[in-house]
C-alpha cells in the first residue's frame, strides 16, 4: 500500500492489478503501441490501485566519488576511457557527506542516495561508505548507494550498516547492451542484483531511454525489469543527458510522448514499484513531466545536480508540484 497519509482514490471493490514476473517483449511492445489515451488510462488505473496519485516521493543524489571509472559505458562522462571525461576525485569524507545529507533533509528529501564511480568497491572504501550509511540513517533518512558490482559479502556488509536501497541499473535491453557497454556483462548486473536481494536490501533498478535503441530494445528493457524474480522497489527511468565527449554526446532527441509511454509501460508492468522520473528532467517541459506523473511516475530526484549532470532547481519542482496539487511523502520503510 502507498506511503504517506493521504487516502488512495480507488473503489474498495476494484480488484488489484495482477503482479506478474513473466512479461515478454511482445507484451510490452503491445502496451507501447496502444493509442495514447488508452495507455494513459491503463497506467492511471494501475497507479491508483496501489498509490495515492497526488503523492510524490523525493530523493536527493550525491556523487561521493566522482570520475576515474574504468568502465566504458557510452553515456557516462565519468568513464576514464572517454575524451573530456570528468576529472577523477577522491572519496568524500564522511562528515562532508553528512553535511549534504542534512541539507537534503531540510529541503524535503526522504531518501539520500550516494553514488561512487567504481567498477566495484575496495574493502577499505566500503568501510567508509558503511560509516556514511550509518550517519545518514541517524539523521532519519532512507539510504541508497550505487557503487558498481557487488559480491555477496559486500552486499551483506552494506545491509549490516543499515542500507535501505542499492541502485544498479540494467541500462537497456539484453540485445542492445553490448552496443553501450563492453567492460561488464548483462549477467554481471543480474548477479549484483541477486546478491543485493539475497542480502535483504531493497533494489533500485531501471534504465536509460535515448541511447540509439529501437522500439524493440525499449520494450526489452521494461520486459527485463518486469521479469526479475522480484520487481525493483524503485525503477528509475532516465532520459539520456547528452554529454559532449562521450560516444552518445550527439544522440538524437527522444520524442517526449515516446518517453511518457515508457513511464506508463513501467507502471503497468510493475504496479507496486516506485517509478522514478530520473535524469533528463532539466530538459523536460513542465507539461512533459506532468504527463509522466499522470502515467505513473511517483518519485523524483530533488536538487541541482544528479552526480555530474544538471537537475531542475528545487524551486521549480516545488512550483510545479504545488500547481498540480501534489504533496511529498515521508519515509517509506
C-alpha atoms as a PDB file:
ATOM      1  CA  UNK A   1       0.000   0.000   0.000  1.00  0.00           C
ATOM      2  CA  UNK A   2       1.144   3.572  -0.529  1.00  0.00           C
ATOM      3  CA  UNK A   3       3.278   5.568   1.820  1.00  0.00           C
ATOM      4  CA  UNK A   4       2.055   8.824   3.382  1.00  0.00           C
ATOM      5  CA  UNK A   5      -1.210   9.751   4.992  1.00  0.00           C
ATOM      6  CA  UNK A   6      -3.489  10.567   2.057  1.00  0.00           C
ATOM      7  CA  UNK A   7      -6.121   8.001   1.050  1.00  0.00           C
ATOM      8  CA  UNK A   8      -5.943   6.080  -2.173  1.00  0.00           C
ATOM      9  CA  UNK A   9      -8.626   7.173  -4.585  1.00  0.00           C
ATOM     10  CA  UNK A  10      -9.912   3.851  -5.882  1.00  0.00           C
ATOM     11  CA  UNK A  11     -13.064   1.854  -5.419  1.00  0.00           C
ATOM     12  CA  UNK A  12     -12.773  -0.541  -2.458  1.00  0.00           C
ATOM     13  CA  UNK A  13     -14.338  -3.232  -4.607  1.00  0.00           C
ATOM     14  CA  UNK A  14     -11.938  -2.788  -7.528  1.00  0.00           C
ATOM     15  CA  UNK A  15      -9.580  -5.779  -7.901  1.00  0.00           C
ATOM     16  CA  UNK A  16      -5.875  -5.016  -7.603  1.00  0.00           C
ATOM     17  CA  UNK A  17      -3.953  -5.349 -10.881  1.00  0.00           C
ATOM     18  CA  UNK A  18      -2.086  -8.623 -11.136  1.00  0.00           C
ATOM     19  CA  UNK A  19       1.610  -8.548 -10.255  1.00  0.00           C
ATOM     20  CA  UNK A  20       3.414 -10.692 -12.822  1.00  0.00           C
ATOM     21  CA  UNK A  21       7.036 -11.648 -13.350  1.00  0.00           C
ATOM     22  CA  UNK A  22       6.727 -13.242 -16.785  1.00  0.00           C
ATOM     23  CA  UNK A  23       6.318 -10.235 -19.073  1.00  0.00           C
ATOM     24  CA  UNK A  24       7.507 -10.794 -22.642  1.00  0.00           C
ATOM     25  CA  UNK A  25       8.926  -8.282 -25.091  1.00  0.00           C
ATOM     26  CA  UNK A  26       5.883  -8.614 -27.424  1.00  0.00           C
ATOM     27  CA  UNK A  27       3.542  -7.930 -24.491  1.00  0.00           C
ATOM     28  CA  UNK A  28       5.430  -4.767 -23.518  1.00  0.00           C
ATOM     29  CA  UNK A  29       5.584  -3.720 -27.158  1.00  0.00           C
ATOM     30  CA  UNK A  30       1.813  -4.125 -27.366  1.00  0.00           C
ATOM     31  CA  UNK A  31       1.457  -1.750 -24.413  1.00  0.00           C
ATOM     32  CA  UNK A  32       3.760   0.813 -26.016  1.00  0.00           C
ATOM     33  CA  UNK A  33       1.741   0.577 -29.242  1.00  0.00           C
ATOM     34  CA  UNK A  34      -1.623   1.307 -27.585  1.00  0.00           C
ATOM     35  CA  UNK A  35      -3.440   4.516 -28.522  1.00  0.00           C
ATOM     36  CA  UNK A  36      -2.115   7.143 -26.139  1.00  0.00           C
ATOM     37  CA  UNK A  37      -5.416   7.757 -24.297  1.00  0.00           C
ATOM     38  CA  UNK A  38      -5.878   4.022 -23.694  1.00  0.00           C
ATOM     39  CA  UNK A  39      -2.311   3.589 -22.476  1.00  0.00           C
ATOM     40  CA  UNK A  40      -2.664   6.505 -20.068  1.00  0.00           C
ATOM     41  CA  UNK A  41      -5.987   5.185 -18.773  1.00  0.00           C
ATOM     42  CA  UNK A  42      -4.486   1.775 -18.021  1.00  0.00           C
ATOM     43  CA  UNK A  43      -1.437   3.333 -16.367  1.00  0.00           C
ATOM     44  CA  UNK A  44      -3.608   5.622 -14.225  1.00  0.00           C
ATOM     45  CA  UNK A  45      -5.887   2.769 -13.192  1.00  0.00           C
ATOM     46  CA  UNK A  46      -2.880   0.667 -12.161  1.00  0.00           C
ATOM     47  CA  UNK A  47      -1.235   3.557 -10.339  1.00  0.00           C
ATOM     48  CA  UNK A  48      -4.343   4.395  -8.328  1.00  0.00           C
ATOM     49  CA  UNK A  49      -4.727   0.767  -7.257  1.00  0.00           C
ATOM     50  CA  UNK A  50      -1.528   0.927  -5.201  1.00  0.00           C
ATOM     51  CA  UNK A  51      -0.658   4.596  -4.691  1.00  0.00           C
ATOM     52  CA  UNK A  52      -2.140   7.983  -3.980  1.00  0.00           C
ATOM     53  CA  UNK A  53      -1.882   9.705  -7.400  1.00  0.00           C
ATOM     54  CA  UNK A  54      -1.193  13.077  -5.745  1.00  0.00           C
ATOM     55  CA  UNK A  55       1.851  11.793  -3.822  1.00  0.00           C
ATOM     56  CA  UNK A  56       5.495  12.264  -4.857  1.00  0.00           C
ATOM     57  CA  UNK A  57       8.479  10.642  -3.148  1.00  0.00           C
ATOM     58  CA  UNK A  58      11.574  12.871  -3.059  1.00  0.00           C
ATOM     59  CA  UNK A  59      15.162  11.635  -3.181  1.00  0.00           C
ATOM     60  CA  UNK A  60      18.480  13.501  -3.355  1.00  0.00           C
ATOM     61  CA  UNK A  61      21.550  12.105  -5.105  1.00  0.00           C
ATOM     62  CA  UNK A  62      25.150  12.987  -4.228  1.00  0.00           C
ATOM     63  CA  UNK A  63      28.313  11.909  -6.024  1.00  0.00           C
ATOM     64  CA  UNK A  64      30.589  10.776  -3.200  1.00  0.00           C
ATOM     65  CA  UNK A  65      33.376   9.668  -5.544  1.00  0.00           C
ATOM     66  CA  UNK A  66      33.459  11.276  -8.980  1.00  0.00           C
ATOM     67  CA  UNK A  67      35.276  10.298 -12.198  1.00  0.00           C
ATOM     68  CA  UNK A  68      38.072   7.883 -12.990  1.00  0.00           C
ATOM     69  CA  UNK A  69      35.792   4.907 -13.616  1.00  0.00           C
ATOM     70  CA  UNK A  70      37.410   2.086 -15.655  1.00  0.00           C
ATOM     71  CA  UNK A  71      34.111   1.101 -17.292  1.00  0.00           C
ATOM     72  CA  UNK A  72      33.316   2.209 -20.864  1.00  0.00           C
ATOM     73  CA  UNK A  73      29.572   2.997 -20.537  1.00  0.00           C
ATOM     74  CA  UNK A  74      28.927   5.077 -23.661  1.00  0.00           C
ATOM     75  CA  UNK A  75      26.622   7.531 -21.906  1.00  0.00           C
ATOM     76  CA  UNK A  76      28.784   8.340 -18.883  1.00  0.00           C
ATOM     77  CA  UNK A  77      31.190  11.287 -18.585  1.00  0.00           C
ATOM     78  CA  UNK A  78      32.777   9.646 -15.529  1.00  0.00           C
ATOM     79  CA  UNK A  79      34.469   6.972 -17.653  1.00  0.00           C
ATOM     80  CA  UNK A  80      38.238   7.419 -17.721  1.00  0.00           C
ATOM     81  CA  UNK A  81      38.151   5.983 -21.253  1.00  0.00           C
ATOM     82  CA  UNK A  82      36.225   8.899 -22.773  1.00  0.00           C
ATOM     83  CA  UNK A  83      37.543  12.109 -24.230  1.00  0.00           C
ATOM     84  CA  UNK A  84      36.906  15.079 -21.907  1.00  0.00           C
ATOM     85  CA  UNK A  85      35.946  12.748 -19.086  1.00  0.00           C
ATOM     86  CA  UNK A  86      35.186  14.155 -15.656  1.00  0.00           C
ATOM     87  CA  UNK A  87      38.325  14.630 -13.572  1.00  0.00           C
ATOM     88  CA  UNK A  88      38.799  11.871 -11.021  1.00  0.00           C
ATOM     89  CA  UNK A  89      38.300  12.841  -7.388  1.00  0.00           C
ATOM     90  CA  UNK A  90      38.845  11.021  -4.100  1.00  0.00           C
ATOM     91  CA  UNK A  91      36.064   9.533  -1.997  1.00  0.00           C
ATOM     92  CA  UNK A  92      34.427  12.257   0.085  1.00  0.00           C
ATOM     93  CA  UNK A  93      34.921  12.406   3.838  1.00  0.00           C
ATOM     94  CA  UNK A  94      32.078  11.104   5.999  1.00  0.00           C
ATOM     95  CA  UNK A  95      31.461  14.481   7.678  1.00  0.00           C
ATOM     96  CA  UNK A  96      31.190  16.246   4.318  1.00  0.00           C
ATOM     97  CA  UNK A  97      28.600  13.714   3.119  1.00  0.00           C
ATOM     98  CA  UNK A  98      26.556  14.109   6.307  1.00  0.00           C
ATOM     99  CA  UNK A  99      26.543  17.879   5.830  1.00  0.00           C
ATOM    100  CA  UNK A 100      24.988  17.375   2.392  1.00  0.00           C
ATOM    101  CA  UNK A 101      22.507  14.868   3.813  1.00  0.00           C
ATOM    102  CA  UNK A 102      21.320  17.412   6.396  1.00  0.00           C
ATOM    103  CA  UNK A 103      20.773  19.956   3.615  1.00  0.00           C
ATOM    104  CA  UNK A 104      18.802  17.384   1.637  1.00  0.00           C
ATOM    105  CA  UNK A 105      16.565  16.618   4.594  1.00  0.00           C
ATOM    106  CA  UNK A 106      15.944  20.314   5.227  1.00  0.00           C
ATOM    107  CA  UNK A 107      14.951  20.674   1.560  1.00  0.00           C
ATOM    108  CA  UNK A 108      12.331  17.925   1.911  1.00  0.00           C
ATOM    109  CA  UNK A 109      14.111  14.756   0.775  1.00  0.00           C
ATOM    110  CA  UNK A 110      13.142  11.485   2.444  1.00  0.00           C
ATOM    111  CA  UNK A 111      15.876   9.395   0.804  1.00  0.00           C
ATOM    112  CA  UNK A 112      19.557  10.240   0.404  1.00  0.00           C
ATOM    113  CA  UNK A 113      21.353   8.469  -2.427  1.00  0.00           C
ATOM    114  CA  UNK A 114      25.145   8.255  -2.711  1.00  0.00           C
ATOM    115  CA  UNK A 115      26.934   7.331  -5.919  1.00  0.00           C
ATOM    116  CA  UNK A 116      30.564   6.336  -6.464  1.00  0.00           C
ATOM    117  CA  UNK A 117      32.208   5.903  -9.869  1.00  0.00           C
ATOM    118  CA  UNK A 118      33.715   2.463  -9.312  1.00  0.00           C
ATOM    119  CA  UNK A 119      33.671  -0.849 -11.135  1.00  0.00           C
ATOM    120  CA  UNK A 120      33.287  -2.355  -7.678  1.00  0.00           C
ATOM    121  CA  UNK A 121      34.260  -1.009  -4.232  1.00  0.00           C
ATOM    122  CA  UNK A 122      37.535  -1.808  -2.487  1.00  0.00           C
ATOM    123  CA  UNK A 123      37.168  -3.109   1.049  1.00  0.00           C
ATOM    124  CA  UNK A 124      38.616  -0.038   2.796  1.00  0.00           C
ATOM    125  CA  UNK A 125      36.340   2.234   0.743  1.00  0.00           C
ATOM    126  CA  UNK A 126      33.376   0.032   1.578  1.00  0.00           C
ATOM    127  CA  UNK A 127      34.053   0.578   5.283  1.00  0.00           C
ATOM    128  CA  UNK A 128      33.910   4.348   4.748  1.00  0.00           C
ATOM    129  CA  UNK A 129      30.657   4.048   2.802  1.00  0.00           C
ATOM    130  CA  UNK A 130      29.183   1.954   5.619  1.00  0.00           C
ATOM    131  CA  UNK A 131      30.024   4.787   8.035  1.00  0.00           C
ATOM    132  CA  UNK A 132      28.228   7.197   5.689  1.00  0.00           C
ATOM    133  CA  UNK A 133      25.171   4.948   5.631  1.00  0.00           C
ATOM    134  CA  UNK A 134      25.059   4.740   9.409  1.00  0.00           C
ATOM    135  CA  UNK A 135      25.371   8.519   9.712  1.00  0.00           C
ATOM    136  CA  UNK A 136      22.657   9.249   7.180  1.00  0.00           C
ATOM    137  CA  UNK A 137      20.346   6.748   8.874  1.00  0.00           C
ATOM    138  CA  UNK A 138      20.911   8.532  12.177  1.00  0.00           C
ATOM    139  CA  UNK A 139      19.578  11.701  10.525  1.00  0.00           C
ATOM    140  CA  UNK A 140      16.269   9.931   9.888  1.00  0.00           C
ATOM    141  CA  UNK A 141      16.703   9.495   6.137  1.00  0.00           C
ATOM    142  CA  UNK A 142      16.390   6.417   3.960  1.00  0.00           C
ATOM    143  CA  UNK A 143      19.708   5.424   2.405  1.00  0.00           C
ATOM    144  CA  UNK A 144      20.622   4.310  -1.101  1.00  0.00           C
ATOM    145  CA  UNK A 145      24.033   3.764  -2.667  1.00  0.00           C
ATOM    146  CA  UNK A 146      25.316   2.851  -6.110  1.00  0.00           C
ATOM    147  CA  UNK A 147      28.878   1.541  -6.056  1.00  0.00           C
ATOM    148  CA  UNK A 148      29.119  -0.745  -9.075  1.00  0.00           C
ATOM    149  CA  UNK A 149      29.258  -4.519  -8.881  1.00  0.00           C
ATOM    150  CA  UNK A 150      28.954  -6.271  -5.505  1.00  0.00           C
ATOM    151  CA  UNK A 151      29.684  -9.770  -4.350  1.00  0.00           C
ATOM    152  CA  UNK A 152      27.561 -11.450  -1.679  1.00  0.00           C
ATOM    153  CA  UNK A 153      29.912 -10.498   1.161  1.00  0.00           C
ATOM    154  CA  UNK A 154      29.937  -6.820   0.209  1.00  0.00           C
ATOM    155  CA  UNK A 155      26.160  -6.759  -0.026  1.00  0.00           C
ATOM    156  CA  UNK A 156      25.979  -8.303   3.438  1.00  0.00           C
ATOM    157  CA  UNK A 157      28.229  -5.602   4.928  1.00  0.00           C
ATOM    158  CA  UNK A 158      26.048  -2.868   3.442  1.00  0.00           C
ATOM    159  CA  UNK A 159      22.958  -4.490   4.921  1.00  0.00           C
ATOM    160  CA  UNK A 160      24.615  -4.681   8.340  1.00  0.00           C
ATOM    161  CA  UNK A 161      25.294  -0.938   8.091  1.00  0.00           C
ATOM    162  CA  UNK A 162      21.556  -0.401   7.621  1.00  0.00           C
ATOM    163  CA  UNK A 163      21.388   0.249   3.873  1.00  0.00           C
ATOM    164  CA  UNK A 164      17.807   0.513   2.616  1.00  0.00           C
ATOM    165  CA  UNK A 165      18.297   0.539  -1.182  1.00  0.00           C
ATOM    166  CA  UNK A 166      21.005  -0.398  -3.676  1.00  0.00           C
ATOM    167  CA  UNK A 167      20.918   1.077  -7.174  1.00  0.00           C
ATOM    168  CA  UNK A 168      22.238  -0.962 -10.072  1.00  0.00           C
ATOM    169  CA  UNK A 169      20.591  -0.271 -13.427  1.00  0.00           C
ATOM    170  CA  UNK A 170      20.197  -2.657 -16.337  1.00  0.00           C
ATOM    171  CA  UNK A 171      20.551   0.412 -18.600  1.00  0.00           C
ATOM    172  CA  UNK A 172      18.979  -1.104 -21.737  1.00  0.00           C
ATOM    173  CA  UNK A 173      17.744  -4.357 -23.241  1.00  0.00           C
ATOM    174  CA  UNK A 174      19.876  -7.508 -23.200  1.00  0.00           C
ATOM    175  CA  UNK A 175      20.138  -7.379 -27.010  1.00  0.00           C
ATOM    176  CA  UNK A 176      21.341  -3.762 -27.196  1.00  0.00           C
ATOM    177  CA  UNK A 177      23.546  -3.836 -24.106  1.00  0.00           C
ATOM    178  CA  UNK A 178      26.753  -4.734 -25.974  1.00  0.00           C
ATOM    179  CA  UNK A 179      26.450  -1.569 -28.054  1.00  0.00           C
ATOM    180  CA  UNK A 180      26.574   0.555 -24.891  1.00  0.00           C
ATOM    181  CA  UNK A 181      28.937  -1.284 -22.514  1.00  0.00           C
ATOM    182  CA  UNK A 182      31.681  -3.854 -23.136  1.00  0.00           C
ATOM    183  CA  UNK A 183      33.537  -3.873 -19.798  1.00  0.00           C
ATOM    184  CA  UNK A 184      30.868  -5.778 -17.863  1.00  0.00           C
ATOM    185  CA  UNK A 185      28.159  -8.170 -18.998  1.00  0.00           C
ATOM    186  CA  UNK A 186      24.420  -8.151 -18.536  1.00  0.00           C
ATOM    187  CA  UNK A 187      24.815 -11.211 -16.352  1.00  0.00           C
ATOM    188  CA  UNK A 188      27.251  -9.289 -14.152  1.00  0.00           C
ATOM    189  CA  UNK A 189      24.463  -6.809 -13.488  1.00  0.00           C
ATOM    190  CA  UNK A 190      21.934  -9.538 -12.785  1.00  0.00           C
ATOM    191  CA  UNK A 191      24.373 -11.220 -10.397  1.00  0.00           C
ATOM    192  CA  UNK A 192      24.814  -7.996  -8.414  1.00  0.00           C
ATOM    193  CA  UNK A 193      21.040  -7.556  -8.211  1.00  0.00           C
ATOM    194  CA  UNK A 194      20.740 -11.114  -6.936  1.00  0.00           C
ATOM    195  CA  UNK A 195      23.409 -10.531  -4.279  1.00  0.00           C
ATOM    196  CA  UNK A 196      21.660  -7.351  -3.149  1.00  0.00           C
ATOM    197  CA  UNK A 197      18.265  -9.034  -2.967  1.00  0.00           C
ATOM    198  CA  UNK A 198      19.639 -12.065  -1.125  1.00  0.00           C
ATOM    199  CA  UNK A 199      21.184  -9.738   1.473  1.00  0.00           C
ATOM    200  CA  UNK A 200      17.749  -8.289   2.225  1.00  0.00           C
ATOM    201  CA  UNK A 201      18.363  -4.872   0.636  1.00  0.00           C
ATOM    202  CA  UNK A 202      15.674  -3.175  -1.448  1.00  0.00           C
ATOM    203  CA  UNK A 203      16.538  -2.880  -5.143  1.00  0.00           C
ATOM    204  CA  UNK A 204      16.597   0.296  -7.214  1.00  0.00           C
ATOM    205  CA  UNK A 205      16.974  -0.674 -10.866  1.00  0.00           C
ATOM    206  CA  UNK A 206      15.955   0.946 -14.131  1.00  0.00           C
ATOM    207  CA  UNK A 207      17.416   2.123 -17.415  1.00  0.00           C
ATOM    208  CA  UNK A 208      18.041   4.894 -19.915  1.00  0.00           C
ATOM    209  CA  UNK A 209      15.996   5.985 -22.920  1.00  0.00           C
ATOM    210  CA  UNK A 210      17.597   7.775 -25.872  1.00  0.00           C
ATOM    211  CA  UNK A 211      20.864   5.869 -26.426  1.00  0.00           C
ATOM    212  CA  UNK A 212      20.085   4.981 -30.046  1.00  0.00           C
ATOM    213  CA  UNK A 213      17.999   1.948 -29.135  1.00  0.00           C
ATOM    214  CA  UNK A 214      14.996   0.961 -31.254  1.00  0.00           C
ATOM    215  CA  UNK A 215      11.421   0.374 -30.092  1.00  0.00           C
ATOM    216  CA  UNK A 216      12.044  -3.327 -29.535  1.00  0.00           C
ATOM    217  CA  UNK A 217      15.006  -2.518 -27.304  1.00  0.00           C
ATOM    218  CA  UNK A 218      12.859  -0.166 -25.238  1.00  0.00           C
ATOM    219  CA  UNK A 219      10.283  -2.900 -24.812  1.00  0.00           C
ATOM    220  CA  UNK A 220      13.116  -5.294 -23.982  1.00  0.00           C
ATOM    221  CA  UNK A 221      14.354  -3.079 -21.160  1.00  0.00           C
ATOM    222  CA  UNK A 222      10.931  -2.909 -19.490  1.00  0.00           C
ATOM    223  CA  UNK A 223      10.388  -6.645 -20.029  1.00  0.00           C
ATOM    224  CA  UNK A 224      13.757  -7.433 -18.412  1.00  0.00           C
ATOM    225  CA  UNK A 225      12.932  -5.278 -15.377  1.00  0.00           C
ATOM    226  CA  UNK A 226       9.390  -6.630 -15.046  1.00  0.00           C
ATOM    227  CA  UNK A 227      10.598 -10.230 -15.333  1.00  0.00           C
ATOM    228  CA  UNK A 228      13.073 -10.082 -12.450  1.00  0.00           C
ATOM    229  CA  UNK A 229      12.254 -12.582  -9.660  1.00  0.00           C
ATOM    230  CA  UNK A 230      11.076  -9.614  -7.572  1.00  0.00           C
ATOM    231  CA  UNK A 231      10.240  -6.249  -9.076  1.00  0.00           C
ATOM    232  CA  UNK A 232      12.618  -3.456  -8.035  1.00  0.00           C
ATOM    233  CA  UNK A 233      11.126  -1.348  -5.265  1.00  0.00           C
ATOM    234  CA  UNK A 234      12.331   1.710  -7.194  1.00  0.00           C
ATOM    235  CA  UNK A 235      12.500   1.884 -11.002  1.00  0.00           C
ATOM    236  CA  UNK A 236      14.342   4.971 -12.299  1.00  0.00           C
ATOM    237  CA  UNK A 237      13.574   5.737 -15.937  1.00  0.00           C
ATOM    238  CA  UNK A 238      16.258   8.096 -17.227  1.00  0.00           C
ATOM    239  CA  UNK A 239      16.247  10.258 -20.335  1.00  0.00           C
ATOM    240  CA  UNK A 240      19.776  10.346 -21.733  1.00  0.00           C
ATOM    241  CA  UNK A 241      21.645  13.516 -20.809  1.00  0.00           C
ATOM    242  CA  UNK A 242      23.817  14.029 -23.870  1.00  0.00           C
ATOM    243  CA  UNK A 243      27.304  14.989 -22.704  1.00  0.00           C
ATOM    244  CA  UNK A 244      29.880  16.191 -25.226  1.00  0.00           C
ATOM    245  CA  UNK A 245      32.956  13.984 -25.273  1.00  0.00           C
ATOM    246  CA  UNK A 246      31.017  10.774 -24.675  1.00  0.00           C
ATOM    247  CA  UNK A 247      30.179   8.380 -27.538  1.00  0.00           C
ATOM    248  CA  UNK A 248      26.479   9.291 -27.158  1.00  0.00           C
ATOM    249  CA  UNK A 249      27.025  13.040 -26.966  1.00  0.00           C
ATOM    250  CA  UNK A 250      25.343  13.637 -30.326  1.00  0.00           C
ATOM    251  CA  UNK A 251      22.436  11.215 -29.968  1.00  0.00           C
ATOM    252  CA  UNK A 252      19.048  12.164 -31.370  1.00  0.00           C
ATOM    253  CA  UNK A 253      16.446  13.630 -29.055  1.00  0.00           C
ATOM    254  CA  UNK A 254      13.630  11.391 -27.836  1.00  0.00           C
ATOM    255  CA  UNK A 255      10.048  12.338 -28.639  1.00  0.00           C
ATOM    256  CA  UNK A 256       8.523  13.382 -25.291  1.00  0.00           C
ATOM    257  CA  UNK A 257       5.420  11.257 -25.839  1.00  0.00           C
ATOM    258  CA  UNK A 258       7.572   8.205 -26.541  1.00  0.00           C
ATOM    259  CA  UNK A 259       9.266   8.789 -23.193  1.00  0.00           C
ATOM    260  CA  UNK A 260       5.899   9.109 -21.443  1.00  0.00           C
ATOM    261  CA  UNK A 261       4.928   5.772 -22.986  1.00  0.00           C
ATOM    262  CA  UNK A 262       7.962   4.162 -21.318  1.00  0.00           C
ATOM    263  CA  UNK A 263       6.869   5.513 -17.946  1.00  0.00           C
ATOM    264  CA  UNK A 264       3.367   4.133 -18.499  1.00  0.00           C
ATOM    265  CA  UNK A 265       4.659   0.700 -19.539  1.00  0.00           C
ATOM    266  CA  UNK A 266       6.842   0.558 -16.433  1.00  0.00           C
ATOM    267  CA  UNK A 267       3.887   1.479 -14.218  1.00  0.00           C
ATOM    268  CA  UNK A 268       1.557  -1.135 -15.746  1.00  0.00           C
ATOM    269  CA  UNK A 269       4.107  -3.969 -15.685  1.00  0.00           C
ATOM    270  CA  UNK A 270       5.493  -3.163 -12.204  1.00  0.00           C
ATOM    271  CA  UNK A 271       2.411  -1.865 -10.387  1.00  0.00           C
ATOM    272  CA  UNK A 272       3.792  -1.830  -6.826  1.00  0.00           C
ATOM    273  CA  UNK A 273       7.149  -0.201  -7.653  1.00  0.00           C
ATOM    274  CA  UNK A 274       8.058   3.437  -7.233  1.00  0.00           C
ATOM    275  CA  UNK A 275       8.635   4.617 -10.815  1.00  0.00           C
ATOM    276  CA  UNK A 276      11.157   7.429 -10.668  1.00  0.00           C
ATOM    277  CA  UNK A 277      11.385  10.184 -13.237  1.00  0.00           C
ATOM    278  CA  UNK A 278      15.164  10.484 -13.027  1.00  0.00           C
ATOM    279  CA  UNK A 279      17.877  12.003 -15.261  1.00  0.00           C
ATOM    280  CA  UNK A 280      16.918  14.342 -18.085  1.00  0.00           C
ATOM    281  CA  UNK A 281      14.269  16.394 -16.290  1.00  0.00           C
ATOM    282  CA  UNK A 282      16.297  19.568 -16.772  1.00  0.00           C
ATOM    283  CA  UNK A 283      15.426  19.450 -20.483  1.00  0.00           C
ATOM    284  CA  UNK A 284      11.767  18.459 -19.992  1.00  0.00           C
ATOM    285  CA  UNK A 285       8.937  20.943 -20.049  1.00  0.00           C
ATOM    286  CA  UNK A 286       6.553  21.098 -17.116  1.00  0.00           C
ATOM    287  CA  UNK A 287       3.932  19.620 -19.415  1.00  0.00           C
ATOM    288  CA  UNK A 288       6.084  16.575 -20.229  1.00  0.00           C
ATOM    289  CA  UNK A 289       6.829  15.988 -16.560  1.00  0.00           C
ATOM    290  CA  UNK A 290       3.128  16.304 -15.746  1.00  0.00           C
ATOM    291  CA  UNK A 291       2.280  13.649 -18.333  1.00  0.00           C
ATOM    292  CA  UNK A 292       4.931  11.408 -16.761  1.00  0.00           C
ATOM    293  CA  UNK A 293       3.265  11.871 -13.370  1.00  0.00           C
ATOM    294  CA  UNK A 294      -0.110  11.035 -14.896  1.00  0.00           C
ATOM    295  CA  UNK A 295       1.482   7.936 -16.465  1.00  0.00           C
ATOM    296  CA  UNK A 296       2.525   6.707 -13.026  1.00  0.00           C
ATOM    297  CA  UNK A 297       5.864   8.308 -12.125  1.00  0.00           C
ATOM    298  CA  UNK A 298       5.722   8.975  -8.392  1.00  0.00           C
ATOM    299  CA  UNK A 299       9.316   9.702  -7.434  1.00  0.00           C
ATOM    300  CA  UNK A 300      11.856  12.340  -8.483  1.00  0.00           C
ATOM    301  CA  UNK A 301      15.377  13.375  -7.611  1.00  0.00           C
ATOM    302  CA  UNK A 302      15.481  16.731  -5.866  1.00  0.00           C
ATOM    303  CA  UNK A 303      18.488  19.061  -6.067  1.00  0.00           C
ATOM    304  CA  UNK A 304      20.574  20.964  -8.573  1.00  0.00           C
ATOM    305  CA  UNK A 305      22.721  18.043  -9.795  1.00  0.00           C
ATOM    306  CA  UNK A 306      22.478  14.318 -10.470  1.00  0.00           C
ATOM    307  CA  UNK A 307      26.035  13.074  -9.985  1.00  0.00           C
ATOM    308  CA  UNK A 308      27.687  15.204 -12.719  1.00  0.00           C
ATOM    309  CA  UNK A 309      24.697  16.403 -14.781  1.00  0.00           C
ATOM    310  CA  UNK A 310      22.179  19.217 -14.160  1.00  0.00           C
ATOM    311  CA  UNK A 311      18.807  18.733 -12.468  1.00  0.00           C
ATOM    312  CA  UNK A 312      15.926  21.224 -12.152  1.00  0.00           C
ATOM    313  CA  UNK A 313      16.116  23.819  -9.412  1.00  0.00           C
ATOM    314  CA  UNK A 314      14.257  22.748  -6.281  1.00  0.00           C
ATOM    315  CA  UNK A 315      12.135  25.894  -6.527  1.00  0.00           C
ATOM    316  CA  UNK A 316      10.939  24.839  -9.990  1.00  0.00           C
ATOM    317  CA  UNK A 317       9.983  21.396  -8.689  1.00  0.00           C
ATOM    318  CA  UNK A 318       8.115  22.881  -5.738  1.00  0.00           C
ATOM    319  CA  UNK A 319       6.266  25.292  -8.001  1.00  0.00           C
ATOM    320  CA  UNK A 320       5.198  22.505 -10.365  1.00  0.00           C
ATOM    321  CA  UNK A 321       4.083  20.148  -7.597  1.00  0.00           C
ATOM    322  CA  UNK A 322       2.139  22.964  -5.932  1.00  0.00           C
ATOM    323  CA  UNK A 323       0.496  23.871  -9.235  1.00  0.00           C
ATOM    324  CA  UNK A 324      -0.587  20.249  -9.681  1.00  0.00           C
ATOM    325  CA  UNK A 325      -1.869  19.971  -6.099  1.00  0.00           C
ATOM    326  CA  UNK A 326       0.623  17.217  -5.295  1.00  0.00           C
ATOM    327  CA  UNK A 327       2.320  16.573  -1.961  1.00  0.00           C
ATOM    328  CA  UNK A 328       5.556  14.875  -0.973  1.00  0.00           C
ATOM    329  CA  UNK A 329       5.766  11.696   1.043  1.00  0.00           C
ATOM    330  CA  UNK A 330       7.776  10.864   4.132  1.00  0.00           C
ATOM    331  CA  UNK A 331       9.989   7.881   4.749  1.00  0.00           C
ATOM    332  CA  UNK A 332       8.591   4.713   3.217  1.00  0.00           C
ATOM    333  CA  UNK A 333      10.428   1.926   5.062  1.00  0.00           C
END
